C-alpha atoms as a PDB file:
ATOM      1  CA  MET A   1     114.075  81.069  76.669  1.00  0.00           C
ATOM      2  CA  SER A   2     114.494  84.807  77.043  1.00  0.00           C
ATOM      3  CA  ILE A   3     112.615  86.534  79.834  1.00  0.00           C
ATOM      4  CA  VAL A   4     111.933  89.435  77.451  1.00  0.00           C
ATOM      5  CA  ASP A   5     110.252  87.236  74.804  1.00  0.00           C
ATOM      6  CA  ALA A   6     107.182  89.230  73.696  1.00  0.00           C
ATOM      7  CA  ARG A   7     105.167  86.025  73.274  1.00  0.00           C
ATOM      8  CA  LEU A   8     105.254  85.368  76.995  1.00  0.00           C
ATOM      9  CA  GLY A   9     102.409  86.198  79.321  1.00  0.00           C
ATOM     10  CA  LEU A  10     101.760  86.053  83.072  1.00  0.00           C
ATOM     11  CA  PHE A  11      98.421  85.047  84.607  1.00  0.00           C
ATOM     12  CA  CYS A  12      98.144  85.611  88.360  1.00  0.00           C
ATOM     13  CA  PHE A  13      95.532  83.795  90.416  1.00  0.00           C
ATOM     14  CA  GLY A  14      95.062  86.305  93.223  1.00  0.00           C
ATOM     15  CA  HIS A  15      96.381  89.698  92.153  1.00  0.00           C
ATOM     16  CA  GLY A  16      97.617  90.905  95.515  1.00  0.00           C
ATOM     17  CA  TYR A  17     100.754  92.651  96.716  1.00  0.00           C
ATOM     18  CA  VAL A  18     103.287  90.166  95.316  1.00  0.00           C
ATOM     19  CA  ALA A  19     101.443  89.511  92.054  1.00  0.00           C
ATOM     20  CA  GLU A  20     101.115  93.223  91.308  1.00  0.00           C
ATOM     21  CA  ALA A  21     104.830  93.745  91.882  1.00  0.00           C
ATOM     22  CA  LEU A  22     105.798  90.810  89.646  1.00  0.00           C
ATOM     23  CA  ALA A  23     103.365  91.857  86.914  1.00  0.00           C
ATOM     24  CA  ALA A  24     104.705  95.417  86.962  1.00  0.00           C
ATOM     25  CA  ALA A  25     108.260  94.102  86.573  1.00  0.00           C
ATOM     26  CA  VAL A  26     107.619  91.726  83.661  1.00  0.00           C
ATOM     27  CA  ALA A  27     105.317  94.205  81.914  1.00  0.00           C
ATOM     28  CA  LEU A  28     108.346  96.462  81.496  1.00  0.00           C
ATOM     29  CA  ASP A  29     109.853  93.640  79.421  1.00  0.00           C
ATOM     30  CA  GLY A  30     106.818  93.491  77.165  1.00  0.00           C
ATOM     31  CA  TRP A  31     104.895  90.666  78.849  1.00  0.00           C
ATOM     32  CA  ARG A  32     101.116  90.534  78.678  1.00  0.00           C
ATOM     33  CA  CYS A  33      99.614  90.323  82.168  1.00  0.00           C
ATOM     34  CA  ALA A  34      96.251  89.246  83.538  1.00  0.00           C
ATOM     35  CA  GLY A  35      94.977  88.195  86.904  1.00  0.00           C
ATOM     36  CA  THR A  36      92.079  87.462  89.170  1.00  0.00           C
ATOM     37  CA  CYS A  37      90.446  89.324  92.008  1.00  0.00           C
ATOM     38  CA  ARG A  38      87.249  88.951  94.003  1.00  0.00           C
ATOM     39  CA  THR A  39      85.532  92.333  93.652  1.00  0.00           C
ATOM     40  CA  ASP A  40      84.353  94.597  90.854  1.00  0.00           C
ATOM     41  CA  SER A  41      86.279  97.549  92.299  1.00  0.00           C
ATOM     42  CA  LYS A  42      89.577  95.626  92.288  1.00  0.00           C
ATOM     43  CA  CYS A  43      88.895  94.508  88.702  1.00  0.00           C
ATOM     44  CA  ARG A  44      88.457  98.129  87.645  1.00  0.00           C
ATOM     45  CA  SER A  45      91.667  99.077  89.436  1.00  0.00           C
ATOM     46  CA  LEU A  46      93.641  96.343  87.641  1.00  0.00           C
ATOM     47  CA  ASN A  47      92.149  97.204  84.255  1.00  0.00           C
ATOM     48  CA  ALA A  48      93.264 100.803  84.779  1.00  0.00           C
ATOM     49  CA  LYS A  49      96.838  99.461  85.076  1.00  0.00           C
ATOM     50  CA  ASP A  50      96.555  97.556  81.773  1.00  0.00           C
ATOM     51  CA  ILE A  51      96.143  94.246  83.599  1.00  0.00           C
ATOM     52  CA  THR A  52      93.195  92.259  82.279  1.00  0.00           C
ATOM     53  CA  ALA A  53      91.171  91.333  85.351  1.00  0.00           C
ATOM     54  CA  HIS A  54      88.850  88.380  85.925  1.00  0.00           C
ATOM     55  CA  GLN A  55      86.700  87.731  88.938  1.00  0.00           C
ATOM     56  CA  PHE A  56      87.568  84.450  90.603  1.00  0.00           C
ATOM     57  CA  ASP A  57      86.168  82.872  93.722  1.00  0.00           C
ATOM     58  CA  ARG A  58      85.068  79.373  94.582  1.00  0.00           C
ATOM     59  CA  ASP A  59      81.562  80.647  95.300  1.00  0.00           C
ATOM     60  CA  LEU A  60      81.126  82.838  92.212  1.00  0.00           C
ATOM     61  CA  PRO A  61      78.878  81.002  89.714  1.00  0.00           C
ATOM     62  CA  PHE A  62      80.551  82.418  86.598  1.00  0.00           C
ATOM     63  CA  ALA A  63      84.159  82.640  87.778  1.00  0.00           C
ATOM     64  CA  ASN A  64      85.649  80.356  85.149  1.00  0.00           C
ATOM     65  CA  CYS A  65      88.991  81.588  83.827  1.00  0.00           C
ATOM     66  CA  ALA A  66      89.685  78.669  81.476  1.00  0.00           C
ATOM     67  CA  GLU A  67      89.486  80.628  78.221  1.00  0.00           C
ATOM     68  CA  ALA A  68      91.623  83.498  79.508  1.00  0.00           C
ATOM     69  CA  LEU A  69      94.113  81.123  81.116  1.00  0.00           C
ATOM     70  CA  SER A  70      94.762  79.333  77.830  1.00  0.00           C
ATOM     71  CA  GLU A  71      96.409  82.450  76.389  1.00  0.00           C
ATOM     72  CA  PHE A  72      99.231  82.621  78.953  1.00  0.00           C
ATOM     73  CA  THR A  73     102.498  80.748  79.366  1.00  0.00           C
ATOM     74  CA  HIS A  74     103.276  81.490  83.010  1.00  0.00           C
ATOM     75  CA  VAL A  75     101.031  81.247  86.073  1.00  0.00           C
ATOM     76  CA  LEU A  76     101.523  82.632  89.566  1.00  0.00           C
ATOM     77  CA  VAL A  77      99.228  81.275  92.281  1.00  0.00           C
ATOM     78  CA  SER A  78      98.765  83.338  95.426  1.00  0.00           C
ATOM     79  CA  VAL A  79      95.154  82.419  96.232  1.00  0.00           C
ATOM     80  CA  PRO A  80      95.239  80.807  99.692  1.00  0.00           C
ATOM     81  CA  PRO A  81      93.653  77.416 100.287  1.00  0.00           C
ATOM     82  CA  ASP A  82      90.356  77.389 102.167  1.00  0.00           C
ATOM     83  CA  GLU A  83      88.709  74.796 104.382  1.00  0.00           C
ATOM     84  CA  VAL A  84      87.761  72.755 101.298  1.00  0.00           C
ATOM     85  CA  GLY A  85      91.150  72.796  99.557  1.00  0.00           C
ATOM     86  CA  ASP A  86      92.975  74.757  96.899  1.00  0.00           C
ATOM     87  CA  PRO A  87      90.360  76.640  94.836  1.00  0.00           C
ATOM     88  CA  VAL A  88      92.593  77.019  91.764  1.00  0.00           C
ATOM     89  CA  LEU A  89      93.242  73.281  91.480  1.00  0.00           C
ATOM     90  CA  ASP A  90      89.662  72.441  92.410  1.00  0.00           C
ATOM     91  CA  LEU A  91      88.237  74.611  89.639  1.00  0.00           C
ATOM     92  CA  HIS A  92      90.978  74.568  86.991  1.00  0.00           C
ATOM     93  CA  LEU A  93      92.915  71.322  87.379  1.00  0.00           C
ATOM     94  CA  TYR A  94      91.958  69.982  83.946  1.00  0.00           C
ATOM     95  CA  ASP A  95      92.341  73.383  82.274  1.00  0.00           C
ATOM     96  CA  LEU A  96      95.920  73.542  83.519  1.00  0.00           C
ATOM     97  CA  PHE A  97      96.583  69.886  82.740  1.00  0.00           C
ATOM     98  CA  ASP A  98      95.387  70.237  79.135  1.00  0.00           C
ATOM     99  CA  HIS A  99      96.885  73.689  78.631  1.00  0.00           C
ATOM    100  CA  GLY A 100      99.842  72.593  76.491  1.00  0.00           C
ATOM    101  CA  ARG A 101     101.803  75.874  76.613  1.00  0.00           C
ATOM    102  CA  LEU A 102     102.651  76.303  80.279  1.00  0.00           C
ATOM    103  CA  GLN A 103     106.327  76.957  80.912  1.00  0.00           C
ATOM    104  CA  TRP A 104     106.217  77.848  84.616  1.00  0.00           C
ATOM    105  CA  ILE A 105     103.888  77.754  87.625  1.00  0.00           C
ATOM    106  CA  GLY A 106     104.917  79.481  90.833  1.00  0.00           C
ATOM    107  CA  TYR A 107     102.984  78.719  94.016  1.00  0.00           C
ATOM    108  CA  LEU A 108     103.304  81.219  96.866  1.00  0.00           C
ATOM    109  CA  SER A 109     103.318  79.409 100.181  1.00  0.00           C
ATOM    110  CA  THR A 110     104.565  80.368 103.641  1.00  0.00           C
ATOM    111  CA  THR A 111     107.348  79.466 106.036  1.00  0.00           C
ATOM    112  CA  GLY A 112     104.497  78.666 108.420  1.00  0.00           C
ATOM    113  CA  VAL A 113     104.480  75.116 107.009  1.00  0.00           C
ATOM    114  CA  TYR A 114     107.524  74.353 109.208  1.00  0.00           C
ATOM    115  CA  GLY A 115     105.506  74.918 112.368  1.00  0.00           C
ATOM    116  CA  ASP A 116     107.183  75.761 115.667  1.00  0.00           C
ATOM    117  CA  CYS A 117     110.933  75.022 115.736  1.00  0.00           C
ATOM    118  CA  ASN A 118     111.701  76.709 119.080  1.00  0.00           C
ATOM    119  CA  GLY A 119     113.769  79.368 117.359  1.00  0.00           C
ATOM    120  CA  GLY A 120     115.925  76.858 115.476  1.00  0.00           C
ATOM    121  CA  TRP A 121     117.113  77.175 111.893  1.00  0.00           C
ATOM    122  CA  VAL A 122     115.182  75.491 109.072  1.00  0.00           C
ATOM    123  CA  ASP A 123     115.895  74.937 105.400  1.00  0.00           C
ATOM    124  CA  GLU A 124     113.986  73.267 102.580  1.00  0.00           C
ATOM    125  CA  THR A 125     115.021  69.796 103.796  1.00  0.00           C
ATOM    126  CA  THR A 126     113.443  70.372 107.223  1.00  0.00           C
ATOM    127  CA  SER A 127     110.333  68.296 107.851  1.00  0.00           C
ATOM    128  CA  VAL A 128     107.059  70.105 107.331  1.00  0.00           C
ATOM    129  CA  ARG A 129     105.142  70.035 110.619  1.00  0.00           C
ATOM    130  CA  PRO A 130     102.592  72.849 110.623  1.00  0.00           C
ATOM    131  CA  THR A 131     100.759  73.514 113.849  1.00  0.00           C
ATOM    132  CA  SER A 132      98.237  76.149 112.724  1.00  0.00           C
ATOM    133  CA  GLU A 133      95.234  75.420 110.555  1.00  0.00           C
ATOM    134  CA  ARG A 134      96.557  77.895 107.967  1.00  0.00           C
ATOM    135  CA  GLY A 135      99.884  76.089 107.888  1.00  0.00           C
ATOM    136  CA  LYS A 136      98.241  72.701 107.494  1.00  0.00           C
ATOM    137  CA  ARG A 137      96.189  73.948 104.539  1.00  0.00           C
ATOM    138  CA  ARG A 138      99.282  75.402 102.889  1.00  0.00           C
ATOM    139  CA  ALA A 139     101.244  72.187 103.342  1.00  0.00           C
ATOM    140  CA  ALA A 140      98.423  70.192 101.773  1.00  0.00           C
ATOM    141  CA  ALA A 141      98.205  72.646  98.862  1.00  0.00           C
ATOM    142  CA  GLU A 142     101.961  72.445  98.290  1.00  0.00           C
ATOM    143  CA  SER A 143     101.736  68.664  97.976  1.00  0.00           C
ATOM    144  CA  ARG A 144      98.872  68.915  95.504  1.00  0.00           C
ATOM    145  CA  TRP A 145     100.697  71.429  93.313  1.00  0.00           C
ATOM    146  CA  LEU A 146     103.885  69.364  93.254  1.00  0.00           C
ATOM    147  CA  GLU A 147     101.887  66.246  92.375  1.00  0.00           C
ATOM    148  CA  PHE A 148     100.128  68.156  89.606  1.00  0.00           C
ATOM    149  CA  GLY A 149     103.433  69.340  88.157  1.00  0.00           C
ATOM    150  CA  LEU A 150     104.809  65.810  88.178  1.00  0.00           C
ATOM    151  CA  ASN A 151     101.746  64.320  86.495  1.00  0.00           C
ATOM    152  CA  ALA A 152     101.259  67.137  83.970  1.00  0.00           C
ATOM    153  CA  GLY A 153     104.921  67.575  83.100  1.00  0.00           C
ATOM    154  CA  VAL A 154     104.714  71.274  83.988  1.00  0.00           C
ATOM    155  CA  PRO A 155     107.512  72.993  85.972  1.00  0.00           C
ATOM    156  CA  VAL A 156     105.959  73.855  89.348  1.00  0.00           C
ATOM    157  CA  GLN A 157     108.014  75.672  91.979  1.00  0.00           C
ATOM    158  CA  ILE A 158     107.031  76.372  95.587  1.00  0.00           C
ATOM    159  CA  PHE A 159     108.077  79.629  97.265  1.00  0.00           C
ATOM    160  CA  ARG A 160     107.821  79.674 101.054  1.00  0.00           C
ATOM    161  CA  LEU A 161     107.652  83.360 101.884  1.00  0.00           C
ATOM    162  CA  ALA A 162     108.618  84.961 105.171  1.00  0.00           C
ATOM    163  CA  GLY A 163     106.843  88.110 106.386  1.00  0.00           C
ATOM    164  CA  ILE A 164     106.476  90.455 103.416  1.00  0.00           C
ATOM    165  CA  TYR A 165     107.214  94.167 103.611  1.00  0.00           C
ATOM    166  CA  GLY A 166     107.784  96.966 101.114  1.00  0.00           C
ATOM    167  CA  PRO A 167     106.283 100.280  99.972  1.00  0.00           C
ATOM    168  CA  GLY A 168     103.008 100.963 101.771  1.00  0.00           C
ATOM    169  CA  ARG A 169     103.327  97.798 103.844  1.00  0.00           C
ATOM    170  CA  ASN A 170     105.964  98.207 106.545  1.00  0.00           C
ATOM    171  CA  PRO A 171     106.587  99.312 110.152  1.00  0.00           C
ATOM    172  CA  LEU A 172     107.306 102.894 109.062  1.00  0.00           C
ATOM    173  CA  ALA A 173     103.830 103.161 107.564  1.00  0.00           C
ATOM    174  CA  GLN A 174     102.311 101.568 110.671  1.00  0.00           C
ATOM    175  CA  LEU A 175     104.065 104.031 112.967  1.00  0.00           C
ATOM    176  CA  ARG A 176     102.944 106.983 110.856  1.00  0.00           C
ATOM    177  CA  ALA A 177      99.374 105.667 110.903  1.00  0.00           C
ATOM    178  CA  GLY A 178      99.481 105.077 114.656  1.00  0.00           C
ATOM    179  CA  THR A 179      98.759 101.364 114.283  1.00  0.00           C
ATOM    180  CA  ALA A 180     102.187  99.924 115.178  1.00  0.00           C
ATOM    181  CA  ARG A 181     102.429  97.756 118.289  1.00  0.00           C
ATOM    182  CA  ARG A 182     105.518  96.551 120.127  1.00  0.00           C
ATOM    183  CA  ILE A 183     104.537  93.044 121.198  1.00  0.00           C
ATOM    184  CA  TYR A 184     107.133  91.210 123.281  1.00  0.00           C
ATOM    185  CA  LYS A 185     107.568  87.482 123.712  1.00  0.00           C
ATOM    186  CA  GLU A 186     110.868  86.238 125.079  1.00  0.00           C
ATOM    187  CA  GLY A 187     113.028  84.610 122.402  1.00  0.00           C
ATOM    188  CA  GLN A 188     110.496  85.197 119.595  1.00  0.00           C
ATOM    189  CA  VAL A 189     111.848  85.961 116.124  1.00  0.00           C
ATOM    190  CA  PHE A 190     110.274  86.308 112.698  1.00  0.00           C
ATOM    191  CA  GLY A 191     111.742  86.149 109.217  1.00  0.00           C
ATOM    192  CA  ARG A 192     111.076  88.932 106.720  1.00  0.00           C
ATOM    193  CA  ILE A 193     111.574  89.594 103.028  1.00  0.00           C
ATOM    194  CA  HIS A 194     111.343  92.764 100.949  1.00  0.00           C
ATOM    195  CA  ILE A 195     108.947  92.685  98.010  1.00  0.00           C
ATOM    196  CA  ASP A 196     111.759  93.565  95.577  1.00  0.00           C
ATOM    197  CA  ASP A 197     113.705  90.463  96.625  1.00  0.00           C
ATOM    198  CA  ILE A 198     110.608  88.287  96.197  1.00  0.00           C
ATOM    199  CA  VAL A 199     110.203  89.593  92.653  1.00  0.00           C
ATOM    200  CA  ALA A 200     113.886  88.959  91.945  1.00  0.00           C
ATOM    201  CA  ALA A 201     113.530  85.366  93.165  1.00  0.00           C
ATOM    202  CA  LEU A 202     110.424  84.734  91.059  1.00  0.00           C
ATOM    203  CA  ARG A 203     112.032  86.190  87.941  1.00  0.00           C
ATOM    204  CA  ALA A 204     115.145  84.092  88.469  1.00  0.00           C
ATOM    205  CA  SER A 205     112.959  80.996  88.685  1.00  0.00           C
ATOM    206  CA  ILE A 206     111.048  81.980  85.543  1.00  0.00           C
ATOM    207  CA  ALA A 207     114.323  82.335  83.651  1.00  0.00           C
ATOM    208  CA  ASN A 208     115.629  78.976  84.940  1.00  0.00           C
ATOM    209  CA  PRO A 209     112.708  76.820  86.120  1.00  0.00           C
ATOM    210  CA  ASN A 210     113.548  73.831  88.284  1.00  0.00           C
ATOM    211  CA  SER A 211     110.516  71.573  88.301  1.00  0.00           C
ATOM    212  CA  GLY A 212     109.451  70.465  91.770  1.00  0.00           C
ATOM    213  CA  ALA A 213     111.863  72.783  93.580  1.00  0.00           C
ATOM    214  CA  ILE A 214     111.003  74.443  96.888  1.00  0.00           C
ATOM    215  CA  TYR A 215     112.604  77.719  97.940  1.00  0.00           C
ATOM    216  CA  ASN A 216     112.633  79.598 101.216  1.00  0.00           C
ATOM    217  CA  VAL A 217     112.325  83.299 100.451  1.00  0.00           C
ATOM    218  CA  ALA A 218     113.561  85.128 103.531  1.00  0.00           C
ATOM    219  CA  ASP A 219     116.293  87.622 104.316  1.00  0.00           C
ATOM    220  CA  ASP A 220     119.473  86.936 106.287  1.00  0.00           C
ATOM    221  CA  LEU A 221     118.419  88.311 109.678  1.00  0.00           C
ATOM    222  CA  PRO A 222     115.460  86.875 111.588  1.00  0.00           C
ATOM    223  CA  ALA A 223     114.618  89.381 114.310  1.00  0.00           C
ATOM    224  CA  ALA A 224     112.259  90.041 117.187  1.00  0.00           C
ATOM    225  CA  PRO A 225     109.198  92.043 116.112  1.00  0.00           C
ATOM    226  CA  ASP A 226     109.621  94.624 118.891  1.00  0.00           C
ATOM    227  CA  GLU A 227     113.216  95.202 117.744  1.00  0.00           C
ATOM    228  CA  VAL A 228     112.055  96.038 114.223  1.00  0.00           C
ATOM    229  CA  ILE A 229     109.409  98.483 115.447  1.00  0.00           C
ATOM    230  CA  SER A 230     111.963 100.185 117.697  1.00  0.00           C
ATOM    231  CA  TYR A 231     114.403 100.604 114.804  1.00  0.00           C
ATOM    232  CA  ALA A 232     111.681 102.018 112.542  1.00  0.00           C
ATOM    233  CA  ALA A 233     110.717 104.525 115.243  1.00  0.00           C
ATOM    234  CA  GLN A 234     114.368 105.542 115.569  1.00  0.00           C
ATOM    235  CA  LEU A 235     114.529 106.217 111.814  1.00  0.00           C
ATOM    236  CA  LEU A 236     111.439 108.406 112.054  1.00  0.00           C
ATOM    237  CA  GLY A 237     112.628 110.224 115.164  1.00  0.00           C
ATOM    238  CA  MET A 238     109.550 109.006 117.021  1.00  0.00           C
ATOM    239  CA  GLU A 239     109.033 107.430 120.396  1.00  0.00           C
ATOM    240  CA  PRO A 240     108.257 103.744 119.876  1.00  0.00           C
ATOM    241  CA  PRO A 241     104.919 102.466 121.144  1.00  0.00           C
ATOM    242  CA  PRO A 242     104.979 100.974 124.639  1.00  0.00           C
ATOM    243  CA  PHE A 243     105.946  97.351 125.188  1.00  0.00           C
ATOM    244  CA  GLU A 244     103.049  94.919 125.372  1.00  0.00           C
ATOM    245  CA  ASN A 245     103.646  91.478 126.811  1.00  0.00           C
ATOM    246  CA  ILE A 246     102.190  88.729 124.648  1.00  0.00           C
ATOM    247  CA  LYS A 247     100.626  87.155 127.748  1.00  0.00           C
ATOM    248  CA  THR A 248      98.417  90.169 128.466  1.00  0.00           C
ATOM    249  CA  ALA A 249      98.175  91.984 125.117  1.00  0.00           C
ATOM    250  CA  GLU A 250      94.732  92.210 123.537  1.00  0.00           C
ATOM    251  CA  MET A 251      95.016  90.535 120.139  1.00  0.00           C
ATOM    252  CA  SER A 252      92.849  88.711 117.653  1.00  0.00           C
ATOM    253  CA  GLU A 253      93.061  84.944 117.613  1.00  0.00           C
ATOM    254  CA  MET A 254      94.814  85.104 114.240  1.00  0.00           C
ATOM    255  CA  GLY A 255      97.297  87.728 115.416  1.00  0.00           C
ATOM    256  CA  ARG A 256      98.165  85.721 118.508  1.00  0.00           C
ATOM    257  CA  SER A 257      98.601  82.553 116.450  1.00  0.00           C
ATOM    258  CA  PHE A 258     101.654  84.025 114.701  1.00  0.00           C
ATOM    259  CA  TYR A 259     103.473  84.024 118.037  1.00  0.00           C
ATOM    260  CA  THR A 260     102.924  80.296 118.601  1.00  0.00           C
ATOM    261  CA  GLU A 261     105.600  79.473 116.002  1.00  0.00           C
ATOM    262  CA  ASN A 262     109.239  80.468 116.324  1.00  0.00           C
ATOM    263  CA  LYS A 263     111.891  79.698 113.714  1.00  0.00           C
ATOM    264  CA  ARG A 264     114.871  81.050 111.785  1.00  0.00           C
ATOM    265  CA  VAL A 265     114.721  80.449 108.034  1.00  0.00           C
ATOM    266  CA  LEU A 266     117.752  79.745 105.853  1.00  0.00           C
ATOM    267  CA  ASN A 267     117.797  80.983 102.246  1.00  0.00           C
ATOM    268  CA  HIS A 268     120.922  79.239 100.877  1.00  0.00           C
ATOM    269  CA  ARG A 269     119.121  77.334  98.104  1.00  0.00           C
ATOM    270  CA  LEU A 270     117.694  80.545  96.682  1.00  0.00           C
ATOM    271  CA  LYS A 271     121.144  82.124  96.544  1.00  0.00           C
ATOM    272  CA  ASP A 272     123.063  79.053  95.404  1.00  0.00           C
ATOM    273  CA  GLU A 273     120.750  77.982  92.562  1.00  0.00           C
ATOM    274  CA  PHE A 274     119.997  81.426  91.167  1.00  0.00           C
ATOM    275  CA  GLY A 275     123.145  83.297  92.165  1.00  0.00           C
ATOM    276  CA  LEU A 276     120.955  85.909  93.837  1.00  0.00           C
ATOM    277  CA  THR A 277     122.287  88.610  96.090  1.00  0.00           C
ATOM    278  CA  LEU A 278     119.513  90.063  98.197  1.00  0.00           C
ATOM    279  CA  LYS A 279     119.047  93.767  97.649  1.00  0.00           C
ATOM    280  CA  TYR A 280     117.761  94.056 101.219  1.00  0.00           C
ATOM    281  CA  PRO A 281     119.562  91.385 103.287  1.00  0.00           C
ATOM    282  CA  ASN A 282     118.049  92.572 106.567  1.00  0.00           C
ATOM    283  CA  TYR A 283     115.276  94.792 107.862  1.00  0.00           C
ATOM    284  CA  ARG A 284     117.638  97.671 108.667  1.00  0.00           C
ATOM    285  CA  VAL A 285     118.744  98.030 105.046  1.00  0.00           C
ATOM    286  CA  GLY A 286     115.152  97.618 103.858  1.00  0.00           C
ATOM    287  CA  LEU A 287     113.664 100.189 106.229  1.00  0.00           C
ATOM    288  CA  ARG A 288     116.381 102.756 105.499  1.00  0.00           C
ATOM    289  CA  ALA A 289     115.605 102.411 101.781  1.00  0.00           C
ATOM    290  CA  LEU A 290     111.883 102.836 102.447  1.00  0.00           C
ATOM    291  CA  MET A 291     112.563 106.130 104.209  1.00  0.00           C
END
């Protein structure tokens, strides 16, 4: 299968940051692209980019994408699970099962499924032990998608993404907007990944699908969040925001929850199976490029 085959098409459930980047990349190779969003305004925005948009939400009475879905060979799923389950599988399980032309399904998950590892290294063989409600939902959704792929005979791959950054979504932009914060928690590190490297990983999987495979998508240098903000401020010639101790910082419950898990994520499988070399192997290279 050639990745530039004009008969191929990509349907993205949840046309967010990653889906838009992947769609833009494959469209240059002549792929047809479509996707879902939740609002009329986002639909109009996607249509203006030659991406056929469909409204999709568990609670929308006419949000059935079965007819549109049948025209596409590849599906990316970035819609997060809710308290009920995975909305894509709940509403379109049989449509996907009976599709007949699917060559690839990519499910975007999170490294949060590993839970708290006290700063230790994890790879795809590490036990999944999520501690947050979001992580537990993602782990359950992963299992359902892998089971679906096995039963339907469709290549399903899971991509556990670290913290995503790229154009318009990075510490440089936060500093310029005055929204950056330098939160400190002793020993805390996060993994990150540039959007371009996510797209490269997804395209490599599309070209050589490995049914049932799970991939960590993270760069080579987990780092403390305050360290990254300080480096971004240095690039901009700005004073970094003041340190805020996690114990006393005012934060939302969701924001604080990210600091309850601490891990370093290995990406060897991604590199070994696909022969990928990360374009941005650490945040310093990525931020300098974004300047």
